[in-house]
Amino acid sequence: MNDDNSRLVYSTDSGRIKQQEVKSPRTKGDGIVRIQRQTSGRKGKGVCLITGVGLDDAALDKLAAELKKKCGCGGAVKHGVIEIQGDKRDLLKQLLVAKGMQVTLVGG
């Protein structure tokens, strides 16, 4: 029973055993911010994913809030990736270039 898929979840000595969360460090990008449109797994609704922004979590949240306000739509920050609802790639590119970032559109 020493298998990768099996783990101890309860012990009579200590009760419920909590799984240790492993935080993977975000890798620094190559300095290019990439904007892509994605619909897979979202019931046909499109979102724009912004990756490669070399900021810490607090600054990333602040940037996402500013982009959402300028675009007039919702979004989220998940695992270092900014998600903006809708197809706003051109507007997002203009806003990020105005901030001095090198931006490229990827995907179709």
Protein backbone atom coordinates (compact mmCIF):
# COMPACT_ATOMS: atom_id res chain seq x y z
CA MET A 1 0.00 0.00 0.00
CA ASN A 2 2.99 2.31 -0.47
CA ASP A 3 1.48 3.81 -3.56
CA ASP A 4 1.59 7.42 -4.85
CA ASN A 5 -2.21 7.56 -4.86
CA SER A 6 -2.69 6.45 -1.25
CA ARG A 7 -2.20 8.66 1.78
CA LEU A 8 -3.22 8.73 5.43
CA VAL A 9 -6.39 10.79 5.96
CA TYR A 10 -7.36 9.85 9.52
CA SER A 11 -5.55 8.50 12.54
CA THR A 12 -7.03 7.45 15.88
CA ASP A 13 -4.09 9.16 17.59
CA SER A 14 -4.37 12.61 16.07
CA GLY A 15 -7.69 12.72 14.19
CA ARG A 16 -8.04 14.09 10.66
CA ILE A 17 -4.75 14.58 8.82
CA LYS A 18 -4.53 17.72 6.69
CA GLN A 19 -2.75 17.62 3.36
CA GLN A 20 0.24 19.98 3.15
CA GLU A 21 -0.21 22.52 0.37
CA VAL A 22 2.73 22.84 -1.94
CA LYS A 23 3.14 26.28 -3.46
CA SER A 24 5.02 26.20 -6.70
CA PRO A 25 7.10 29.32 -7.21
CA ARG A 26 6.22 31.38 -10.23
CA THR A 27 8.95 31.47 -12.80
CA LYS A 28 10.13 34.78 -14.16
CA GLY A 29 9.20 35.22 -17.78
CA ASP A 30 11.26 36.44 -20.67
CA GLY A 31 9.92 40.00 -20.37
CA ILE A 32 7.17 39.56 -22.95
CA VAL A 33 3.56 39.84 -21.81
CA ARG A 34 1.35 37.45 -23.77
CA ILE A 35 -2.39 37.92 -24.32
CA GLN A 36 -4.42 34.98 -25.57
CA ARG A 37 -8.12 34.26 -25.96
CA GLN A 38 -9.46 31.04 -24.50
CA THR A 39 -12.89 29.40 -24.57
CA SER A 40 -12.12 25.78 -23.68
CA GLY A 41 -13.84 24.60 -20.51
CA ARG A 42 -15.85 27.81 -20.24
CA LYS A 43 -19.07 26.78 -22.03
CA GLY A 44 -18.19 28.86 -25.09
CA LYS A 45 -17.62 32.07 -23.15
CA GLY A 46 -14.32 33.67 -24.09
CA VAL A 47 -11.76 35.13 -21.72
CA CYS A 48 -8.43 36.83 -22.32
CA LEU A 49 -5.48 35.35 -20.45
CA ILE A 50 -2.58 37.66 -19.67
CA THR A 51 0.63 35.81 -18.81
CA GLY A 52 4.26 36.77 -18.35
CA VAL A 53 3.68 39.81 -16.17
CA GLY A 54 6.66 39.88 -13.82
CA LEU A 55 4.91 41.34 -10.77
CA ASP A 56 4.28 40.09 -7.25
CA ASP A 57 0.78 39.05 -6.14
CA ALA A 58 -0.27 42.43 -4.70
CA ALA A 59 0.84 44.36 -7.78
CA LEU A 60 -0.78 41.75 -10.03
CA ASP A 61 -4.11 42.17 -8.22
CA LYS A 62 -3.84 45.95 -8.56
CA LEU A 63 -3.06 45.70 -12.29
CA ALA A 64 -5.98 43.30 -12.81
CA ALA A 65 -8.36 45.67 -11.01
CA GLU A 66 -7.22 48.56 -13.20
CA LEU A 67 -7.60 46.53 -16.41
CA LYS A 68 -11.07 45.32 -15.40
CA LYS A 69 -12.15 48.90 -14.68
CA LYS A 70 -10.80 50.24 -18.00
CA CYS A 71 -12.39 47.36 -19.98
CA GLY A 72 -15.69 47.56 -18.09
CA CYS A 73 -15.85 43.83 -17.44
CA GLY A 74 -15.06 41.19 -14.83
CA GLY A 75 -12.10 38.96 -14.35
CA ALA A 76 -9.82 37.23 -11.86
CA VAL A 77 -6.22 36.46 -10.99
CA LYS A 78 -5.43 32.75 -10.77
CA HIS A 79 -1.93 31.31 -10.29
CA GLY A 80 -0.19 34.42 -11.61
CA VAL A 81 -2.41 34.66 -14.71
CA ILE A 82 -4.85 37.54 -15.18
CA GLU A 83 -8.19 36.50 -16.68
CA ILE A 84 -10.36 39.22 -18.26
CA GLN A 85 -13.85 38.30 -19.42
CA GLY A 86 -14.70 38.84 -23.07
CA ASP A 87 -12.56 39.38 -26.15
CA LYS A 88 -10.76 42.62 -25.29
CA ARG A 89 -7.32 41.74 -26.66
CA ASP A 90 -6.76 44.94 -28.62
CA LEU A 91 -7.79 47.21 -25.74
CA LEU A 92 -5.69 45.21 -23.28
CA LYS A 93 -2.69 45.46 -25.58
CA GLN A 94 -3.06 49.25 -25.81
CA LEU A 95 -3.34 49.60 -22.02
CA LEU A 96 -0.32 47.40 -21.30
CA VAL A 97 1.85 49.04 -23.98
CA ALA A 98 0.98 52.43 -22.43
CA LYS A 99 2.40 51.05 -19.15
CA GLY A 100 5.69 50.33 -20.92
CA MET A 101 5.33 46.56 -21.27
CA GLN A 102 6.33 44.56 -24.34
CA VAL A 103 3.10 42.83 -25.43
CA THR A 104 2.33 40.19 -28.03
CA LEU A 105 -0.95 38.56 -29.05
CA VAL A 106 -0.76 34.77 -29.18
CA GLY A 107 -3.17 32.17 -30.50
CA GLY A 108 -5.90 32.53 -33.07
